[in-house]
Amino acid sequence: MSEIADIEMEGHLIDSQMLTRVLDKIMDMGGEFEIKNFRIGQKKNDTSYVQITVNGEDAAHLDRILLELHALGARLVEMDDIRTGIAPSDMVVPRGFYSTTNHPTYVRYQGSWVEVEHNHMDCLIVLEDGHAICTPIGHIKKGDRVVIGTSGVKVVLPERPREKTFFGFMSNEVSSERPSGELVRQLAQEIIRTKRAGGKIAVVCGPAVVHTGAAPSLAQLIREGYVDVLLAGNAVAVHDIERQLFGTSLGMNCAGNAISGGHRNHLYAISEIMASGSIHNAIAEGKLQGGIMYEAVKRGVPFILAGSIRDDGPLPEVITDTSKAKDAMDQALRGVDMTIMLGTMLHSIAVGNLLPSFVKTICVDINPATVTKLMDRGSAQAIGLVTDIGIFLPQLAEEIEKQKVGMKPASCLDRKS
């Protein structure tokens, strides 16, 4: 091992397993390390500090190790200002550009640390008038000053909450073998706590919410102010409106029975909205008098309907340009404190890519692969609950209602088995 570098980390290194992950990564990549200084916090809220010498076989090997450690929150002891390169053309980036993670990130500019604005994963950092802006490659313009390399870049990993909360209790695992009633109660508490603190909650949902009969519960949550942003696709709106106008979704009635000719009802629903010009107009005309979209419009909750190639219609409000839809979703998610993903793999992963790692995220799906893929693609902060949306959402709405009126939620020890 001929090349060395000193790195440092600070935070709750032990209970958040940050130190373990860094040391494992060094060994997995064939490097060596020596812990030169380790100061352990003595009290609950005290942080720890460690300084480690990392050894690589040569400069290239060491650089590969340091790049991985940087994403885990480690930084060089001696930090210079960031380096930048100029984008030669629109959507063309300089060699060696820095690719962002979804963790809070800072860049050292003129001797001071500047926070990267609107940070999320797989973007670039553009320096503009002293501001560091997280920028997707599709928004890179010729002449942009793009950060290159990791020098002068600091990543701060989220740490385990020090207080006992739903998200601290759950951890990012995926399992159906959990006391779902207890978890629903804890999630209801977290939702109420977030709203009382002035927080913002986004809901991402797929058409399963309608097909399973859970739409009235989601509509109730929107009506009562527990949803601040609604993200979905054309299908959610179409089948929600179909249910309101014809009492079916995908041609099935509320009892799950196919109706003769019912497979055409979603097309009739699209036609009715097109005749009115928009969902908003259909509500104003009195044509649409309930459901998820009705409550969102009435409550003034912004909604983004992102289109896909399989859409029928689509409805007028659907954004069919996927790049524009992504930008609209990104804008709507800014300032969100919690995101609840319900029965959609496509939109859950898309939204996960736009969320900073400090946003509390729960993904509820009957398919455990949905949550696994979400985490595998970088949304490590997400926790998963494997259950039927049609059972989960009504339970959640009922539990929120109970807690709102001051009924003390029973713990699992209080309930009879």
Protein backbone atom coordinates (compact mmCIF):
# COMPACT_ATOMS: atom_id res chain seq x y z
CA MET A 1 0.00 0.00 0.00
CA SER A 2 1.81 3.09 -1.28
CA GLU A 3 -0.82 5.82 -1.21
CA ILE A 4 -2.44 7.24 1.94
CA ALA A 5 -4.99 9.87 2.88
CA ASP A 6 -6.49 11.02 6.17
CA ILE A 7 -10.26 11.17 6.48
CA GLU A 8 -12.52 12.25 9.33
CA MET A 9 -16.13 11.75 10.41
CA GLU A 10 -18.28 13.32 13.08
CA GLY A 11 -21.74 12.46 14.40
CA HIS A 12 -23.47 9.56 16.13
CA LEU A 13 -21.02 7.20 14.48
CA ILE A 14 -21.68 4.06 16.50
CA ASP A 15 -25.44 3.73 16.88
CA SER A 16 -26.03 4.97 13.33
CA GLN A 17 -23.44 2.40 12.10
CA MET A 18 -21.68 5.06 10.05
CA LEU A 19 -18.21 4.01 11.23
CA THR A 20 -18.90 0.31 10.61
CA ARG A 21 -20.03 1.01 7.05
CA VAL A 22 -16.90 3.04 6.30
CA LEU A 23 -14.50 0.44 7.67
CA ASP A 24 -16.33 -2.36 5.85
CA LYS A 25 -16.14 -0.42 2.59
CA ILE A 26 -12.38 0.09 2.93
CA MET A 27 -11.80 -3.63 3.46
CA ASP A 28 -14.29 -4.68 0.75
CA MET A 29 -12.37 -2.56 -1.76
CA GLY A 30 -9.01 -4.05 -0.82
CA GLY A 31 -7.73 -1.08 1.17
CA GLU A 32 -6.30 -0.84 4.65
CA PHE A 33 -6.92 1.59 7.47
CA GLU A 34 -5.54 2.83 10.76
CA ILE A 35 -7.69 4.66 13.32
CA LYS A 36 -5.55 7.57 14.46
CA ASN A 37 -8.02 9.40 16.71
CA PHE A 38 -11.37 8.28 18.11
CA ARG A 39 -13.38 10.41 20.51
CA ILE A 40 -16.63 8.79 21.68
CA GLY A 41 -19.53 10.94 22.87
CA GLN A 42 -20.18 10.35 26.56
CA LYS A 43 -23.84 11.43 26.71
CA LYS A 44 -26.93 10.69 24.65
CA ASN A 45 -26.72 13.82 22.53
CA ASP A 46 -22.93 14.00 22.31
CA THR A 47 -21.38 13.33 18.91
CA SER A 48 -18.33 11.19 18.27
CA TYR A 49 -15.30 11.98 16.11
CA VAL A 50 -12.89 9.70 14.30
CA GLN A 51 -9.83 10.29 12.14
CA ILE A 52 -8.70 7.41 9.93
CA THR A 53 -5.69 6.93 7.69
CA VAL A 54 -6.73 5.08 4.53
CA ASN A 55 -4.19 3.12 2.48
CA GLY A 56 -4.52 2.25 -1.20
CA GLU A 57 -2.34 0.29 -3.61
CA ASP A 58 -1.79 3.33 -5.81
CA ALA A 59 -3.30 6.76 -6.40
CA ALA A 60 -6.10 5.43 -8.62
CA HIS A 61 -7.05 2.73 -6.11
CA LEU A 62 -7.07 5.23 -3.25
CA ASP A 63 -9.22 7.63 -5.26
CA ARG A 64 -11.79 4.88 -5.88
CA ILE A 65 -11.94 4.12 -2.16
CA LEU A 66 -12.23 7.79 -1.18
CA LEU A 67 -15.04 8.31 -3.68
CA GLU A 68 -17.07 5.55 -2.00
CA LEU A 69 -16.24 6.78 1.51
CA HIS A 70 -17.28 10.29 0.58
CA ALA A 71 -20.81 9.05 -0.18
CA LEU A 72 -20.87 7.54 3.32
CA GLY A 73 -20.16 10.87 5.00
CA ALA A 74 -16.36 10.72 5.30
CA ARG A 75 -14.29 13.73 4.26
CA LEU A 76 -10.63 14.53 3.82
CA VAL A 77 -9.04 16.15 6.86
CA GLU A 78 -7.49 18.86 4.70
CA MET A 79 -10.20 20.29 2.49
CA ASP A 80 -9.59 22.74 -0.32
CA ASP A 81 -12.23 24.81 -2.08
CA ILE A 82 -14.29 23.03 -4.70
CA ARG A 83 -13.04 22.69 -8.22
CA THR A 84 -15.31 23.44 -11.17
CA GLY A 85 -15.37 22.81 -14.87
CA ILE A 86 -17.33 24.56 -17.60
CA ALA A 87 -20.15 22.72 -19.39
CA PRO A 88 -19.17 22.82 -23.09
CA SER A 89 -22.77 22.51 -24.36
CA ASP A 90 -26.32 22.08 -23.13
CA MET A 91 -26.69 18.73 -21.33
CA VAL A 92 -22.95 18.03 -21.72
CA VAL A 93 -20.90 17.84 -18.52
CA PRO A 94 -17.17 18.23 -17.87
CA ARG A 95 -15.17 15.08 -17.18
CA GLY A 96 -14.95 14.03 -13.54
CA PHE A 97 -18.15 15.85 -12.51
CA TYR A 98 -19.45 15.28 -9.00
CA SER A 99 -22.65 13.16 -8.90
CA THR A 100 -24.91 14.00 -5.96
CA THR A 101 -26.35 11.67 -3.37
CA ASN A 102 -29.71 12.30 -1.69
CA HIS A 103 -28.01 13.33 1.55
CA PRO A 104 -27.56 16.95 2.69
CA THR A 105 -24.45 18.23 0.91
CA TYR A 106 -22.18 21.25 1.34
CA VAL A 107 -19.43 22.68 -0.86
CA ARG A 108 -16.47 24.72 0.29
CA TYR A 109 -16.44 27.98 -1.64
CA GLN A 110 -14.06 30.87 -0.88
CA GLY A 111 -13.29 29.33 2.51
CA SER A 112 -16.92 28.91 3.64
CA TRP A 113 -19.32 25.97 3.53
CA VAL A 114 -22.32 26.55 1.27
CA GLU A 115 -25.31 24.18 1.39
CA VAL A 116 -26.38 22.64 -1.91
CA GLU A 117 -29.92 23.80 -2.67
CA HIS A 118 -32.76 21.34 -3.42
CA ASN A 119 -30.38 18.40 -3.24
CA HIS A 120 -31.37 14.92 -4.44
CA MET A 121 -29.63 11.97 -6.03
CA ASP A 122 -28.00 11.59 -9.45
CA CYS A 123 -27.65 15.28 -10.27
CA LEU A 124 -24.80 17.75 -10.64
CA ILE A 125 -23.86 20.80 -8.60
CA VAL A 126 -23.76 24.10 -10.44
CA LEU A 127 -22.09 27.12 -8.84
CA GLU A 128 -23.96 30.36 -9.57
CA ASP A 129 -23.47 33.73 -7.85
CA GLY A 130 -22.18 32.06 -4.69
CA HIS A 131 -25.05 29.55 -4.61
CA ALA A 132 -24.59 25.80 -5.07
CA ILE A 133 -27.59 24.42 -6.93
CA CYS A 134 -28.45 20.75 -7.42
CA THR A 135 -29.12 20.48 -11.16
CA PRO A 136 -30.34 17.52 -13.25
CA ILE A 137 -28.30 16.87 -16.38
CA GLY A 138 -31.30 17.85 -18.49
CA HIS A 139 -31.04 21.39 -17.09
CA ILE A 140 -27.31 21.86 -17.65
CA LYS A 141 -26.63 24.82 -19.94
CA LYS A 142 -23.54 25.71 -21.91
CA GLY A 143 -21.17 27.72 -19.72
CA ASP A 144 -22.46 26.40 -16.35
CA ARG A 145 -19.78 26.05 -13.66
CA VAL A 146 -20.11 22.41 -12.65
CA VAL A 147 -18.43 20.98 -9.55
CA ILE A 148 -15.88 18.28 -10.40
CA GLY A 149 -14.31 15.75 -8.05
CA THR A 150 -14.99 15.37 -4.33
CA SER A 151 -12.49 17.93 -3.09
CA GLY A 152 -14.34 20.61 -1.13
CA VAL A 153 -17.57 18.58 -1.02
CA LYS A 154 -19.04 17.41 2.29
CA VAL A 155 -21.90 14.91 2.63
CA VAL A 156 -23.87 14.64 5.88
CA LEU A 157 -25.61 11.30 6.36
CA PRO A 158 -28.89 11.24 8.31
CA GLU A 159 -28.59 9.69 11.74
CA ARG A 160 -30.93 7.56 13.78
CA PRO A 161 -33.48 9.78 15.56
CA ARG A 162 -32.55 10.33 19.19
CA GLU A 163 -36.21 10.35 20.26
CA LYS A 164 -38.58 7.40 20.02
CA THR A 165 -40.69 7.90 16.91
CA PHE A 166 -42.40 5.70 14.36
CA PHE A 167 -39.53 6.03 11.92
CA GLY A 168 -36.87 5.46 14.55
CA PHE A 169 -38.69 2.34 15.73
CA MET A 170 -39.29 0.81 12.31
CA SER A 171 -35.88 1.09 10.58
CA ASN A 172 -35.58 0.46 6.85
CA GLU A 173 -36.61 -3.18 6.66
CA VAL A 174 -39.27 -4.89 4.61
CA SER A 175 -41.52 -7.45 6.23
CA SER A 176 -45.12 -8.57 6.38
CA GLU A 177 -44.54 -10.17 9.79
CA ARG A 178 -45.20 -7.10 11.89
CA PRO A 179 -48.09 -6.06 14.13
CA SER A 180 -49.76 -3.93 11.45
CA GLY A 181 -52.43 -2.53 13.80
CA GLU A 182 -49.76 -1.18 16.11
CA LEU A 183 -47.81 0.27 13.21
CA VAL A 184 -50.94 1.98 11.87
CA ARG A 185 -51.42 3.60 15.27
CA GLN A 186 -47.83 4.81 15.37
CA LEU A 187 -47.98 6.12 11.82
CA ALA A 188 -51.20 8.00 12.67
CA GLN A 189 -49.39 9.60 15.61
CA GLU A 190 -46.49 10.57 13.34
CA ILE A 191 -48.85 12.12 10.78
CA ILE A 192 -50.67 14.15 13.43
CA ARG A 193 -47.36 15.19 15.00
CA THR A 194 -46.02 16.31 11.63
CA LYS A 195 -49.09 18.40 10.82
CA ARG A 196 -49.23 20.01 14.28
CA ALA A 197 -45.61 21.04 13.83
CA GLY A 198 -46.51 22.76 10.57
CA GLY A 199 -45.02 20.00 8.43
CA LYS A 200 -45.94 19.07 4.89
CA ILE A 201 -47.06 15.57 3.81
CA ALA A 202 -47.04 14.18 0.27
CA VAL A 203 -49.03 11.15 -0.83
CA VAL A 204 -47.96 9.10 -3.85
CA CYS A 205 -50.55 6.58 -5.00
CA GLY A 206 -51.45 4.12 -7.72
CA PRO A 207 -54.87 2.99 -9.02
CA ALA A 208 -54.90 0.12 -6.50
CA VAL A 209 -56.14 2.72 -4.02
CA VAL A 210 -59.34 2.93 -6.07
CA HIS A 211 -59.59 -0.73 -7.10
CA THR A 212 -59.31 -1.97 -3.49
CA GLY A 213 -62.01 0.39 -2.24
CA ALA A 214 -59.67 2.62 -0.26
CA ALA A 215 -60.37 5.80 -2.25
CA PRO A 216 -62.95 7.16 0.26
CA SER A 217 -60.34 6.93 3.02
CA LEU A 218 -57.75 8.83 1.00
CA ALA A 219 -60.41 11.40 0.08
CA GLN A 220 -61.15 11.78 3.79
CA LEU A 221 -57.48 12.39 4.62
CA ILE A 222 -57.31 15.05 1.89
CA ARG A 223 -60.54 16.69 3.05
CA GLU A 224 -59.31 16.86 6.66
CA GLY A 225 -56.00 18.47 5.73
CA TYR A 226 -53.55 15.60 6.16
CA VAL A 227 -52.36 15.67 2.54
CA ASP A 228 -50.47 18.67 1.17
CA VAL A 229 -49.29 17.24 -2.16
CA LEU A 230 -50.82 14.47 -4.29
CA LEU A 231 -48.67 12.68 -6.87
CA ALA A 232 -50.15 10.04 -9.15
CA GLY A 233 -50.73 9.03 -12.75
CA ASN A 234 -53.58 9.24 -15.21
CA ALA A 235 -55.05 5.92 -14.00
CA VAL A 236 -55.68 7.09 -10.44
CA ALA A 237 -57.70 10.09 -11.60
CA VAL A 238 -59.54 8.17 -14.34
CA HIS A 239 -60.67 5.32 -12.12
CA ASP A 240 -61.46 7.64 -9.22
CA ILE A 241 -63.73 9.62 -11.55
CA GLU A 242 -65.14 6.41 -13.06
CA ARG A 243 -66.08 5.28 -9.55
CA GLN A 244 -67.86 8.57 -8.88
CA LEU A 245 -69.74 8.71 -12.18
CA PHE A 246 -70.54 5.05 -12.77
CA GLY A 247 -69.88 3.19 -9.51
CA THR A 248 -67.14 1.04 -11.05
CA SER A 249 -63.38 0.90 -11.39
CA LEU A 250 -61.98 -1.13 -14.28
CA GLY A 251 -65.58 -2.15 -14.87
CA MET A 252 -65.92 -3.77 -11.44
CA ASN A 253 -68.50 -2.59 -8.94
CA CYS A 254 -67.84 -2.03 -5.24
CA ALA A 255 -68.56 -5.71 -4.52
CA GLY A 256 -65.85 -6.77 -6.98
CA ASN A 257 -68.27 -8.05 -9.60
CA ALA A 258 -67.88 -7.31 -13.30
CA ILE A 259 -70.67 -5.18 -14.78
CA SER A 260 -71.88 -5.88 -18.30
CA GLY A 261 -70.13 -3.40 -20.57
CA GLY A 262 -68.32 -1.98 -17.55
CA HIS A 263 -64.93 -2.19 -19.24
CA ARG A 264 -65.98 0.90 -21.24
CA ASN A 265 -66.78 3.01 -18.18
CA HIS A 266 -63.29 4.42 -17.74
CA LEU A 267 -63.44 5.65 -21.35
CA TYR A 268 -66.83 7.22 -20.67
CA ALA A 269 -65.26 8.90 -17.61
CA ILE A 270 -62.48 10.36 -19.74
CA SER A 271 -65.04 11.53 -22.29
CA GLU A 272 -67.10 13.28 -19.62
CA ILE A 273 -64.08 15.19 -18.30
CA MET A 274 -62.96 16.08 -21.84
CA ALA A 275 -66.46 17.42 -22.53
CA SER A 276 -66.08 19.72 -19.51
CA GLY A 277 -62.54 20.70 -20.48
CA SER A 278 -60.88 19.70 -17.20
CA ILE A 279 -61.40 18.04 -13.84
CA HIS A 280 -61.73 21.48 -12.29
CA ASN A 281 -64.51 22.43 -14.73
CA ALA A 282 -66.34 19.14 -14.14
CA ILE A 283 -66.41 19.92 -10.43
CA ALA A 284 -67.55 23.49 -11.01
CA GLU A 285 -70.39 22.19 -13.22
CA GLY A 286 -71.50 19.77 -10.52
CA LYS A 287 -70.72 16.77 -12.72
CA LEU A 288 -68.14 15.42 -10.25
CA GLN A 289 -69.25 15.57 -6.62
CA GLY A 290 -66.88 13.34 -4.66
CA GLY A 291 -63.72 11.26 -4.64
CA ILE A 292 -59.98 11.81 -4.42
CA MET A 293 -59.67 14.38 -7.22
CA TYR A 294 -62.78 16.23 -6.05
CA GLU A 295 -61.41 16.63 -2.53
CA ALA A 296 -57.97 17.68 -3.81
CA VAL A 297 -59.48 20.43 -5.96
CA LYS A 298 -61.88 21.58 -3.25
CA ARG A 299 -59.13 21.64 -0.62
CA GLY A 300 -56.68 23.38 -2.96
CA VAL A 301 -54.19 20.52 -2.69
CA PRO A 302 -51.75 20.65 -5.61
CA PHE A 303 -51.69 17.44 -7.63
CA ILE A 304 -49.31 16.24 -10.32
CA LEU A 305 -50.60 13.58 -12.71
CA ALA A 306 -47.61 12.19 -14.61
CA GLY A 307 -48.44 10.41 -17.85
CA SER A 308 -47.10 7.14 -19.26
CA ILE A 309 -47.24 5.45 -22.64
CA ARG A 310 -50.07 3.12 -21.58
CA ASP A 311 -52.51 5.88 -20.61
CA ASP A 312 -56.00 6.06 -22.08
CA GLY A 313 -56.97 9.60 -22.95
CA PRO A 314 -55.24 11.01 -21.02
CA LEU A 315 -57.17 13.50 -18.90
CA PRO A 316 -56.51 17.20 -19.59
CA GLU A 317 -54.51 17.74 -16.37
CA VAL A 318 -52.09 14.88 -17.11
CA ILE A 319 -48.56 16.00 -17.99
CA THR A 320 -47.59 13.80 -20.93
CA ASP A 321 -44.02 15.11 -21.30
CA THR A 322 -42.12 12.99 -18.76
CA SER A 323 -39.34 15.54 -18.34
CA LYS A 324 -41.87 18.26 -17.55
CA ALA A 325 -43.73 15.89 -15.23
CA LYS A 326 -40.52 15.16 -13.35
CA ASP A 327 -39.78 18.87 -12.99
CA ALA A 328 -43.31 19.50 -11.71
CA MET A 329 -42.97 16.67 -9.18
CA ASP A 330 -39.60 17.99 -8.05
CA GLN A 331 -41.06 21.45 -7.49
CA ALA A 332 -44.11 20.12 -5.64
CA LEU A 333 -41.95 18.01 -3.30
CA ARG A 334 -39.80 20.87 -2.05
CA GLY A 335 -40.31 21.43 1.64
CA VAL A 336 -42.04 18.08 2.17
CA ASP A 337 -41.39 16.51 5.59
CA MET A 338 -43.06 13.13 5.06
CA THR A 339 -44.01 11.05 2.04
CA ILE A 340 -46.49 8.17 2.06
CA MET A 341 -46.32 5.86 -0.97
CA LEU A 342 -49.38 3.70 -1.62
CA GLY A 343 -49.55 0.81 -4.05
CA THR A 344 -47.38 2.03 -6.93
CA MET A 345 -43.92 0.83 -7.91
CA LEU A 346 -43.45 3.22 -10.83
CA HIS A 347 -44.31 6.43 -9.02
CA SER A 348 -42.77 5.39 -5.69
CA ILE A 349 -39.35 4.89 -7.27
CA ALA A 350 -39.69 8.07 -9.34
CA VAL A 351 -40.57 10.14 -6.26
CA GLY A 352 -37.88 8.41 -4.19
CA ASN A 353 -35.27 9.65 -6.66
CA LEU A 354 -36.43 13.23 -6.03
CA LEU A 355 -36.47 13.12 -2.21
CA PRO A 356 -33.66 14.15 0.13
CA SER A 357 -32.70 11.40 2.57
CA PHE A 358 -34.02 13.33 5.58
CA VAL A 359 -37.63 13.16 4.35
CA LYS A 360 -39.54 10.53 6.33
CA THR A 361 -40.74 7.98 3.81
CA ILE A 362 -43.05 4.99 4.16
CA CYS A 363 -43.94 2.72 1.26
CA VAL A 364 -47.05 0.55 1.65
CA ASP A 365 -47.59 -2.17 -0.92
CA ILE A 366 -48.84 -5.73 -1.07
CA ASN A 367 -45.75 -6.58 -3.14
CA PRO A 368 -42.54 -6.53 -1.06
CA ALA A 369 -40.49 -6.13 -4.25
CA THR A 370 -41.80 -2.57 -4.57
CA VAL A 371 -40.16 -1.50 -1.33
CA THR A 372 -37.02 -3.52 -2.00
CA LYS A 373 -36.51 -1.87 -5.39
CA LEU A 374 -37.15 1.55 -3.89
CA MET A 375 -34.36 1.01 -1.34
CA ASP A 376 -32.02 -0.61 -3.86
CA ARG A 377 -32.25 2.49 -6.03
CA GLY A 378 -30.97 4.74 -3.27
CA SER A 379 -33.96 5.62 -1.08
CA ALA A 380 -32.42 3.97 1.97
CA GLN A 381 -34.49 6.13 4.32
CA ALA A 382 -37.70 4.41 3.19
CA ILE A 383 -39.42 1.89 5.42
CA GLY A 384 -41.82 -0.69 4.09
CA LEU A 385 -45.12 -2.11 5.22
CA VAL A 386 -46.30 -5.10 3.21
CA THR A 387 -50.07 -5.17 3.34
CA ASP A 388 -53.25 -4.64 1.32
CA ILE A 389 -53.93 -0.95 0.60
CA GLY A 390 -57.65 -1.65 0.88
CA ILE A 391 -57.19 -2.69 4.50
CA PHE A 392 -54.42 -0.28 5.45
CA LEU A 393 -55.89 3.07 4.35
CA PRO A 394 -59.29 2.72 6.08
CA GLN A 395 -57.47 1.67 9.28
CA LEU A 396 -55.18 4.67 9.03
CA ALA A 397 -58.03 7.14 8.43
CA GLU A 398 -59.99 5.66 11.35
CA GLU A 399 -56.99 5.78 13.67
CA ILE A 400 -56.24 9.41 12.80
CA GLU A 401 -59.86 10.28 13.53
CA LYS A 402 -59.67 8.56 16.93
CA GLN A 403 -56.46 10.31 17.90
CA LYS A 404 -57.72 13.66 16.64
CA VAL A 405 -60.65 13.60 19.05
CA GLY A 406 -58.32 12.72 21.92
CA MET A 407 -58.85 8.99 22.27
CA LYS A 408 -55.71 7.43 23.71
CA PRO A 409 -54.32 4.83 21.29
CA ALA A 410 -54.06 1.42 22.90
CA SER A 411 -50.63 -0.16 22.96
CA CYS A 412 -50.15 -3.77 21.97
CA LEU A 413 -49.86 -4.61 25.69
CA ASP A 414 -53.28 -3.09 26.42
CA ARG A 415 -55.14 -5.10 23.84
CA LYS A 416 -56.48 -8.58 24.38
CA SER A 417 -54.90 -11.27 22.30
